[in-house]
Amino acid sequence: MIQWELKTAVGSMFIVASEKGLRGIYWKKQDIPFASSLRDRTEGMCMVRETVEQIESYLRGDLKKFTLQLDLIGTEFQKLVWAELLKIPYGKTLSYKELAEKVNKPKACRAVGTANGRNPISIVVPCHRVIASDGTLGGYAGGLPAKSKLLALESLKL
């Protein structure tokens, strides 16, 4: 695995990739070696380069749907929640309650919220599109200012 820091207007993102695909987009540095250049030919760097290109395009407002190979690591329940997150269209939001209903666990809002919060691939697996039932932002690993900027980018002025 390899790591790359991408500095953006939303904040620094730490992209982690394996030979199988994108493993994470984190808001904090991970205990994984850094690549010295995007031109490196080490394992995972093709995925890192593609992720950087797509994130930058998304942040310019030019990309609405990511097409990256994902290497998600989590429990079966987490993967179920994350798969549902991938179905939330650009420019739309769901509440934690609605997300729980979509994974057929209507009484598991907290568990769904926890799985959402443990999503390792921020932005690409759009956990920022999940908000509280009352319309407030709820939480976000990258912080509420980052979540607010991402939603504003998608024309959701929350």
N, C-alpha and C. Protein backbone atom coordinates (compact mmCIF):
# COMPACT_ATOMS: atom_id res chain seq x y z
N MET A 1 0.85 -1.19 0.00
CA MET A 1 0.00 0.00 0.00
C MET A 1 0.88 1.24 0.00
N ILE A 2 0.29 2.31 -0.52
CA ILE A 2 1.01 3.57 -0.65
C ILE A 2 0.05 4.71 -0.30
N GLN A 3 0.60 5.83 0.12
CA GLN A 3 -0.19 6.98 0.56
C GLN A 3 0.29 8.24 -0.16
N TRP A 4 -0.65 9.13 -0.40
CA TRP A 4 -0.34 10.42 -1.02
C TRP A 4 -1.18 11.49 -0.35
N GLU A 5 -0.59 12.65 -0.07
CA GLU A 5 -1.35 13.76 0.49
C GLU A 5 -1.79 14.69 -0.63
N LEU A 6 -3.08 14.93 -0.69
CA LEU A 6 -3.66 15.85 -1.66
C LEU A 6 -4.19 17.05 -0.89
N LYS A 7 -3.62 18.22 -1.16
CA LYS A 7 -4.06 19.45 -0.50
C LYS A 7 -5.12 20.12 -1.36
N THR A 8 -6.27 20.40 -0.75
CA THR A 8 -7.39 20.99 -1.48
C THR A 8 -7.99 22.14 -0.67
N ALA A 9 -8.91 22.86 -1.27
CA ALA A 9 -9.61 23.94 -0.57
C ALA A 9 -10.49 23.40 0.56
N VAL A 10 -10.83 22.13 0.50
CA VAL A 10 -11.66 21.50 1.53
C VAL A 10 -10.79 21.03 2.69
N GLY A 11 -9.50 20.84 2.45
CA GLY A 11 -8.56 20.36 3.45
C GLY A 11 -7.65 19.31 2.84
N SER A 12 -6.65 18.91 3.61
CA SER A 12 -5.75 17.85 3.16
C SER A 12 -6.44 16.51 3.23
N MET A 13 -6.24 15.72 2.19
CA MET A 13 -6.79 14.37 2.13
C MET A 13 -5.62 13.42 1.92
N PHE A 14 -5.68 12.29 2.60
CA PHE A 14 -4.63 11.29 2.50
C PHE A 14 -5.19 10.08 1.77
N ILE A 15 -4.74 9.92 0.54
CA ILE A 15 -5.22 8.87 -0.35
C ILE A 15 -4.36 7.64 -0.15
N VAL A 16 -5.01 6.52 0.10
CA VAL A 16 -4.32 5.24 0.31
C VAL A 16 -4.85 4.25 -0.72
N ALA A 17 -3.90 3.59 -1.41
CA ALA A 17 -4.29 2.62 -2.42
C ALA A 17 -3.48 1.35 -2.26
N SER A 18 -4.10 0.25 -2.64
CA SER A 18 -3.43 -1.04 -2.68
C SER A 18 -3.34 -1.46 -4.14
N GLU A 19 -2.77 -2.61 -4.37
CA GLU A 19 -2.72 -3.12 -5.75
C GLU A 19 -4.11 -3.49 -6.25
N LYS A 20 -5.10 -3.62 -5.33
CA LYS A 20 -6.47 -3.99 -5.71
C LYS A 20 -7.36 -2.78 -5.99
N GLY A 21 -6.99 -1.61 -5.48
CA GLY A 21 -7.83 -0.44 -5.69
C GLY A 21 -7.67 0.60 -4.60
N LEU A 22 -8.59 1.55 -4.59
CA LEU A 22 -8.58 2.62 -3.61
C LEU A 22 -9.00 2.06 -2.26
N ARG A 23 -8.15 2.24 -1.25
CA ARG A 23 -8.40 1.70 0.08
C ARG A 23 -8.96 2.78 1.01
N GLY A 24 -8.57 4.03 0.79
CA GLY A 24 -9.07 5.07 1.68
C GLY A 24 -8.76 6.47 1.21
N ILE A 25 -9.64 7.39 1.59
CA ILE A 25 -9.38 8.82 1.50
C ILE A 25 -9.67 9.34 2.90
N TYR A 26 -8.60 9.61 3.61
CA TYR A 26 -8.68 9.97 5.03
C TYR A 26 -8.41 11.46 5.22
N TRP A 27 -8.84 11.97 6.34
CA TRP A 27 -8.62 13.37 6.68
C TRP A 27 -7.40 13.54 7.57
N LYS A 28 -6.81 12.41 7.97
CA LYS A 28 -5.59 12.43 8.79
C LYS A 28 -4.58 11.47 8.19
N LYS A 29 -3.32 11.80 8.37
CA LYS A 29 -2.23 10.96 7.87
C LYS A 29 -2.34 9.56 8.45
N GLN A 30 -2.08 8.57 7.61
CA GLN A 30 -2.13 7.17 8.02
C GLN A 30 -0.72 6.63 8.24
N ASP A 31 -0.62 5.55 8.96
CA ASP A 31 0.67 4.92 9.23
C ASP A 31 1.02 3.98 8.08
N ILE A 32 1.19 4.58 6.91
CA ILE A 32 1.47 3.87 5.66
C ILE A 32 2.51 4.70 4.93
N PRO A 33 3.46 4.06 4.25
CA PRO A 33 4.50 4.84 3.55
C PRO A 33 3.91 5.80 2.51
N PHE A 34 4.56 6.95 2.40
CA PHE A 34 4.19 7.95 1.40
C PHE A 34 4.94 7.69 0.10
N ALA A 35 4.29 7.96 -1.00
CA ALA A 35 4.97 7.95 -2.30
C ALA A 35 5.77 9.23 -2.41
N SER A 36 6.90 9.19 -3.08
CA SER A 36 7.71 10.39 -3.23
C SER A 36 7.25 11.24 -4.41
N SER A 37 6.52 10.64 -5.33
CA SER A 37 6.07 11.36 -6.51
C SER A 37 4.85 10.64 -7.10
N LEU A 38 3.98 11.40 -7.73
CA LEU A 38 2.85 10.77 -8.42
C LEU A 38 3.31 9.96 -9.63
N ARG A 39 4.54 10.16 -10.03
CA ARG A 39 5.10 9.42 -11.16
C ARG A 39 5.71 8.09 -10.74
N ASP A 40 5.77 7.84 -9.43
CA ASP A 40 6.32 6.57 -8.96
C ASP A 40 5.61 5.41 -9.63
N ARG A 41 6.30 4.33 -9.83
CA ARG A 41 5.72 3.13 -10.45
C ARG A 41 5.48 2.04 -9.41
N THR A 42 5.36 2.44 -8.15
CA THR A 42 5.13 1.47 -7.10
C THR A 42 3.68 0.98 -7.13
N GLU A 43 3.44 -0.13 -6.41
CA GLU A 43 2.09 -0.69 -6.35
C GLU A 43 1.09 0.35 -5.87
N GLY A 44 0.00 0.41 -6.53
CA GLY A 44 -1.08 1.30 -6.11
C GLY A 44 -0.99 2.72 -6.66
N MET A 45 0.15 3.10 -7.24
CA MET A 45 0.28 4.50 -7.68
C MET A 45 -0.63 4.85 -8.86
N CYS A 46 -0.93 3.90 -9.73
CA CYS A 46 -1.88 4.20 -10.82
C CYS A 46 -3.22 4.58 -10.21
N MET A 47 -3.63 3.86 -9.16
CA MET A 47 -4.90 4.16 -8.50
C MET A 47 -4.82 5.51 -7.78
N VAL A 48 -3.70 5.81 -7.16
CA VAL A 48 -3.54 7.11 -6.49
C VAL A 48 -3.66 8.23 -7.52
N ARG A 49 -2.96 8.12 -8.65
CA ARG A 49 -3.02 9.14 -9.69
C ARG A 49 -4.45 9.33 -10.20
N GLU A 50 -5.13 8.24 -10.47
CA GLU A 50 -6.51 8.32 -10.96
C GLU A 50 -7.42 8.97 -9.90
N THR A 51 -7.20 8.62 -8.64
CA THR A 51 -8.00 9.22 -7.55
C THR A 51 -7.76 10.72 -7.46
N VAL A 52 -6.51 11.13 -7.52
CA VAL A 52 -6.17 12.56 -7.48
C VAL A 52 -6.88 13.28 -8.63
N GLU A 53 -6.79 12.74 -9.84
CA GLU A 53 -7.44 13.37 -11.00
C GLU A 53 -8.94 13.49 -10.80
N GLN A 54 -9.58 12.42 -10.31
CA GLN A 54 -11.03 12.45 -10.15
C GLN A 54 -11.46 13.37 -9.00
N ILE A 55 -10.73 13.36 -7.90
CA ILE A 55 -11.07 14.26 -6.77
C ILE A 55 -10.94 15.72 -7.22
N GLU A 56 -9.85 16.04 -7.91
CA GLU A 56 -9.66 17.42 -8.38
C GLU A 56 -10.77 17.82 -9.35
N SER A 57 -11.17 16.92 -10.23
CA SER A 57 -12.26 17.18 -11.17
C SER A 57 -13.58 17.38 -10.42
N TYR A 58 -13.83 16.54 -9.42
CA TYR A 58 -15.04 16.67 -8.59
C TYR A 58 -15.05 18.04 -7.89
N LEU A 59 -13.93 18.43 -7.30
CA LEU A 59 -13.87 19.68 -6.56
C LEU A 59 -13.99 20.91 -7.47
N ARG A 60 -13.68 20.76 -8.74
CA ARG A 60 -13.89 21.85 -9.72
C ARG A 60 -15.35 21.90 -10.17
N GLY A 61 -16.12 20.86 -9.82
CA GLY A 61 -17.51 20.78 -10.25
C GLY A 61 -17.69 20.10 -11.59
N ASP A 62 -16.63 19.46 -12.09
CA ASP A 62 -16.67 18.82 -13.41
C ASP A 62 -17.04 17.35 -13.36
N LEU A 63 -16.98 16.72 -12.20
CA LEU A 63 -17.24 15.28 -12.09
C LEU A 63 -18.38 15.05 -11.11
N LYS A 64 -19.35 14.29 -11.51
CA LYS A 64 -20.52 14.00 -10.66
C LYS A 64 -20.52 12.57 -10.14
N LYS A 65 -19.80 11.66 -10.81
CA LYS A 65 -19.79 10.25 -10.41
C LYS A 65 -18.37 9.70 -10.57
N PHE A 66 -17.88 9.10 -9.50
CA PHE A 66 -16.53 8.52 -9.52
C PHE A 66 -16.56 7.15 -10.18
N THR A 67 -15.46 6.82 -10.84
CA THR A 67 -15.33 5.52 -11.51
C THR A 67 -14.02 4.86 -11.08
N LEU A 68 -13.85 4.70 -9.80
CA LEU A 68 -12.62 4.14 -9.24
C LEU A 68 -12.85 2.72 -8.74
N GLN A 69 -11.86 1.87 -8.89
CA GLN A 69 -11.89 0.52 -8.32
C GLN A 69 -11.67 0.65 -6.81
N LEU A 70 -12.61 0.15 -6.02
CA LEU A 70 -12.52 0.28 -4.56
C LEU A 70 -12.03 -1.02 -3.93
N ASP A 71 -11.23 -0.88 -2.89
CA ASP A 71 -10.74 -2.00 -2.09
C ASP A 71 -11.20 -1.77 -0.66
N LEU A 72 -12.51 -1.89 -0.44
CA LEU A 72 -13.12 -1.60 0.87
C LEU A 72 -12.85 -2.71 1.87
N ILE A 73 -12.42 -2.33 3.05
CA ILE A 73 -12.18 -3.26 4.14
C ILE A 73 -13.11 -2.87 5.29
N GLY A 74 -13.97 -3.80 5.71
CA GLY A 74 -14.89 -3.54 6.80
C GLY A 74 -15.73 -4.76 7.08
N THR A 75 -16.63 -4.64 8.04
CA THR A 75 -17.54 -5.74 8.35
C THR A 75 -18.59 -5.84 7.25
N GLU A 76 -19.33 -6.93 7.25
CA GLU A 76 -20.39 -7.09 6.25
C GLU A 76 -21.44 -5.99 6.40
N PHE A 77 -21.78 -5.63 7.64
CA PHE A 77 -22.76 -4.57 7.86
C PHE A 77 -22.23 -3.23 7.35
N GLN A 78 -20.98 -2.91 7.65
CA GLN A 78 -20.39 -1.67 7.16
C GLN A 78 -20.42 -1.63 5.63
N LYS A 79 -20.04 -2.73 5.01
CA LYS A 79 -20.04 -2.78 3.54
C LYS A 79 -21.45 -2.61 2.97
N LEU A 80 -22.44 -3.13 3.66
CA LEU A 80 -23.83 -2.96 3.25
C LEU A 80 -24.21 -1.48 3.28
N VAL A 81 -23.86 -0.81 4.37
CA VAL A 81 -24.14 0.63 4.50
C VAL A 81 -23.38 1.41 3.43
N TRP A 82 -22.10 1.10 3.25
CA TRP A 82 -21.29 1.83 2.27
C TRP A 82 -21.80 1.63 0.85
N ALA A 83 -22.29 0.43 0.55
CA ALA A 83 -22.86 0.17 -0.77
C ALA A 83 -24.09 1.04 -0.99
N GLU A 84 -24.87 1.25 0.07
CA GLU A 84 -26.05 2.11 -0.04
C GLU A 84 -25.64 3.57 -0.20
N LEU A 85 -24.55 3.97 0.46
CA LEU A 85 -24.04 5.34 0.29
C LEU A 85 -23.70 5.62 -1.17
N LEU A 86 -23.12 4.62 -1.83
CA LEU A 86 -22.74 4.77 -3.23
C LEU A 86 -23.94 5.02 -4.14
N LYS A 87 -25.14 4.71 -3.67
CA LYS A 87 -26.36 4.92 -4.47
C LYS A 87 -26.95 6.32 -4.31
N ILE A 88 -26.44 7.10 -3.35
CA ILE A 88 -26.99 8.45 -3.14
C ILE A 88 -26.47 9.33 -4.28
N PRO A 89 -27.36 9.86 -5.10
CA PRO A 89 -26.91 10.65 -6.25
C PRO A 89 -26.26 11.98 -5.84
N TYR A 90 -25.41 12.45 -6.69
CA TYR A 90 -24.81 13.78 -6.57
C TYR A 90 -25.93 14.80 -6.40
N GLY A 91 -25.77 15.69 -5.45
CA GLY A 91 -26.77 16.73 -5.25
C GLY A 91 -27.97 16.33 -4.41
N LYS A 92 -27.94 15.13 -3.84
CA LYS A 92 -29.05 14.65 -3.00
C LYS A 92 -28.50 14.28 -1.62
N THR A 93 -29.39 14.24 -0.64
CA THR A 93 -29.02 13.78 0.70
C THR A 93 -30.03 12.75 1.19
N LEU A 94 -29.61 12.02 2.20
CA LEU A 94 -30.49 11.08 2.92
C LEU A 94 -30.28 11.35 4.40
N SER A 95 -31.29 11.07 5.19
CA SER A 95 -31.11 11.13 6.64
C SER A 95 -30.55 9.78 7.11
N TYR A 96 -30.02 9.77 8.30
CA TYR A 96 -29.53 8.51 8.88
C TYR A 96 -30.69 7.51 8.97
N LYS A 97 -31.87 8.02 9.31
CA LYS A 97 -33.06 7.16 9.41
C LYS A 97 -33.40 6.55 8.04
N GLU A 98 -33.38 7.36 7.00
CA GLU A 98 -33.67 6.85 5.65
C GLU A 98 -32.63 5.83 5.22
N LEU A 99 -31.38 6.08 5.58
CA LEU A 99 -30.31 5.14 5.25
C LEU A 99 -30.54 3.81 5.96
N ALA A 100 -30.94 3.88 7.23
CA ALA A 100 -31.23 2.66 7.99
C ALA A 100 -32.37 1.88 7.34
N GLU A 101 -33.38 2.58 6.87
CA GLU A 101 -34.50 1.91 6.19
C GLU A 101 -34.05 1.25 4.89
N LYS A 102 -33.15 1.91 4.16
CA LYS A 102 -32.67 1.38 2.88
C LYS A 102 -31.85 0.10 3.05
N VAL A 103 -31.20 -0.07 4.22
CA VAL A 103 -30.44 -1.30 4.46
C VAL A 103 -31.28 -2.31 5.26
N ASN A 104 -32.60 -2.07 5.31
CA ASN A 104 -33.55 -2.96 5.99
C ASN A 104 -33.25 -3.13 7.48
N LYS A 105 -32.78 -2.06 8.10
CA LYS A 105 -32.54 -2.04 9.55
C LYS A 105 -33.14 -0.75 10.11
N PRO A 106 -34.47 -0.57 10.00
CA PRO A 106 -35.08 0.71 10.35
C PRO A 106 -34.87 1.17 11.79
N LYS A 107 -34.59 0.25 12.68
CA LYS A 107 -34.37 0.62 14.08
C LYS A 107 -32.89 0.77 14.42
N ALA A 108 -32.03 0.67 13.41
CA ALA A 108 -30.58 0.67 13.64
C ALA A 108 -29.93 1.98 13.19
N CYS A 109 -30.59 3.10 13.45
CA CYS A 109 -30.04 4.40 13.02
C CYS A 109 -28.64 4.65 13.59
N ARG A 110 -28.45 4.32 14.86
CA ARG A 110 -27.12 4.55 15.47
C ARG A 110 -26.06 3.66 14.84
N ALA A 111 -26.38 2.40 14.62
CA ALA A 111 -25.42 1.49 13.99
C ALA A 111 -25.09 1.95 12.57
N VAL A 112 -26.11 2.42 11.85
CA VAL A 112 -25.89 2.95 10.51
C VAL A 112 -25.02 4.20 10.58
N GLY A 113 -25.29 5.06 11.55
CA GLY A 113 -24.48 6.26 11.73
C GLY A 113 -23.03 5.92 12.04
N THR A 114 -22.83 4.89 12.86
CA THR A 114 -21.47 4.45 13.18
C THR A 114 -20.77 3.90 11.94
N ALA A 115 -21.47 3.09 11.17
CA ALA A 115 -20.89 2.54 9.93
C ALA A 115 -20.57 3.68 8.95
N ASN A 116 -21.48 4.63 8.86
CA ASN A 116 -21.26 5.79 8.00
C ASN A 116 -20.00 6.53 8.43
N GLY A 117 -19.83 6.71 9.72
CA GLY A 117 -18.67 7.41 10.26
C GLY A 117 -17.36 6.66 10.08
N ARG A 118 -17.44 5.36 9.89
CA ARG A 118 -16.23 4.56 9.69
C ARG A 118 -15.91 4.33 8.22
N ASN A 119 -16.66 4.97 7.36
CA ASN A 119 -16.40 4.88 5.92
C ASN A 119 -14.96 5.34 5.65
N PRO A 120 -14.12 4.47 5.09
CA PRO A 120 -12.74 4.85 4.87
C PRO A 120 -12.50 5.67 3.60
N ILE A 121 -13.48 5.76 2.74
CA ILE A 121 -13.26 6.42 1.45
C ILE A 121 -14.17 7.63 1.33
N SER A 122 -13.82 8.68 2.10
CA SER A 122 -14.58 9.92 2.07
C SER A 122 -14.71 10.44 0.65
N ILE A 123 -15.78 11.14 0.41
CA ILE A 123 -16.12 11.80 -0.85
C ILE A 123 -16.53 10.79 -1.92
N VAL A 124 -15.68 9.82 -2.23
CA VAL A 124 -16.00 8.83 -3.26
C VAL A 124 -17.17 7.97 -2.81
N VAL A 125 -17.12 7.48 -1.58
CA VAL A 125 -18.26 6.83 -0.94
C VAL A 125 -18.89 7.96 -0.12
N PRO A 126 -19.93 8.61 -0.66
CA PRO A 126 -20.35 9.93 -0.21
C PRO A 126 -21.09 10.00 1.13
N CYS A 127 -20.37 9.74 2.18
CA CYS A 127 -20.97 9.83 3.52
C CYS A 127 -21.34 11.26 3.89
N HIS A 128 -20.76 12.24 3.18
CA HIS A 128 -21.12 13.64 3.44
C HIS A 128 -22.56 13.94 3.03
N ARG A 129 -23.18 13.07 2.26
CA ARG A 129 -24.55 13.27 1.82
C ARG A 129 -25.58 12.76 2.83
N VAL A 130 -25.13 12.29 3.98
CA VAL A 130 -26.04 11.81 5.02
C VAL A 130 -26.14 12.90 6.09
N ILE A 131 -27.38 13.29 6.37
CA ILE A 131 -27.63 14.37 7.32
C ILE A 131 -28.65 13.90 8.37
N ALA A 132 -28.81 14.70 9.39
CA ALA A 132 -29.78 14.38 10.45
C ALA A 132 -31.21 14.56 9.91
N SER A 133 -32.16 13.89 10.53
CA SER A 133 -33.57 13.97 10.12
C SER A 133 -34.13 15.38 10.18
N ASP A 134 -33.59 16.21 11.07
CA ASP A 134 -34.08 17.58 11.19
C ASP A 134 -33.43 18.53 10.19
N GLY A 135 -32.59 17.99 9.30
CA GLY A 135 -31.96 18.81 8.26
C GLY A 135 -30.61 19.38 8.63
N THR A 136 -30.18 19.18 9.88
CA THR A 136 -28.85 19.65 10.26
C THR A 136 -27.80 18.69 9.71
N LEU A 137 -26.55 19.12 9.73
CA LEU A 137 -25.50 18.35 9.09
C LEU A 137 -25.15 17.04 9.77
N GLY A 138 -25.27 16.96 11.07
CA GLY A 138 -24.80 15.76 11.76
C GLY A 138 -23.29 15.84 11.89
N GLY A 139 -22.61 14.71 11.87
CA GLY A 139 -21.15 14.70 12.01
C GLY A 139 -20.46 14.44 10.68
N TYR A 140 -19.12 14.57 10.71
CA TYR A 140 -18.31 14.26 9.54
C TYR A 140 -16.85 14.15 9.97
N ALA A 141 -16.20 13.10 9.51
CA ALA A 141 -14.80 12.86 9.90
C ALA A 141 -13.89 14.01 9.49
N GLY A 142 -14.20 14.67 8.39
CA GLY A 142 -13.39 15.80 7.92
C GLY A 142 -13.77 17.11 8.57
N GLY A 143 -14.75 17.07 9.46
CA GLY A 143 -15.22 18.28 10.13
C GLY A 143 -16.42 18.86 9.41
N LEU A 144 -17.25 19.56 10.16
CA LEU A 144 -18.47 20.14 9.58
C LEU A 144 -18.19 21.20 8.52
N PRO A 145 -17.11 22.02 8.65
CA PRO A 145 -16.83 22.97 7.55
C PRO A 145 -16.56 22.25 6.22
N ALA A 146 -15.84 21.13 6.26
CA ALA A 146 -15.57 20.37 5.03
C ALA A 146 -16.88 19.80 4.48
N LYS A 147 -17.71 19.23 5.35
CA LYS A 147 -18.99 18.67 4.91
C LYS A 147 -19.85 19.75 4.28
N SER A 148 -19.91 20.91 4.90
CA SER A 148 -20.69 22.02 4.39
C SER A 148 -20.19 22.45 3.01
N LYS A 149 -18.87 22.51 2.83
CA LYS A 149 -18.29 22.88 1.53
C LYS A 149 -18.63 21.85 0.46
N LEU A 150 -18.56 20.57 0.81
CA LEU A 150 -18.87 19.52 -0.16
C LEU A 150 -20.33 19.59 -0.58
N LEU A 151 -21.22 19.79 0.37
CA LEU A 151 -22.65 19.90 0.05
C LEU A 151 -22.93 21.17 -0.76
N ALA A 152 -22.24 22.26 -0.44
CA ALA A 152 -22.41 23.50 -1.21
C ALA A 152 -21.93 23.29 -2.64
N LEU A 153 -20.83 22.58 -2.81
CA LEU A 153 -20.31 22.27 -4.14
C LEU A 153 -21.37 21.54 -4.96
N GLU A 154 -22.10 20.67 -4.30
CA GLU A 154 -23.15 19.90 -4.97
C GLU A 154 -24.49 20.68 -5.00
N SER A 155 -24.42 21.97 -4.69
CA SER A 155 -25.56 22.89 -4.70
C SER A 155 -26.59 22.56 -3.64
N LEU A 156 -26.14 21.97 -2.54
CA LEU A 156 -27.01 21.69 -1.40
C LEU A 156 -26.62 22.66 -0.30
N LYS A 157 -27.18 23.80 -0.27
CA LYS A 157 -26.82 24.87 0.67
C LYS A 157 -27.42 24.59 2.05
N LEU A 158 -26.85 23.62 2.79
CA LEU A 158 -27.37 23.28 4.10
C LEU A 158 -26.60 24.00 5.18
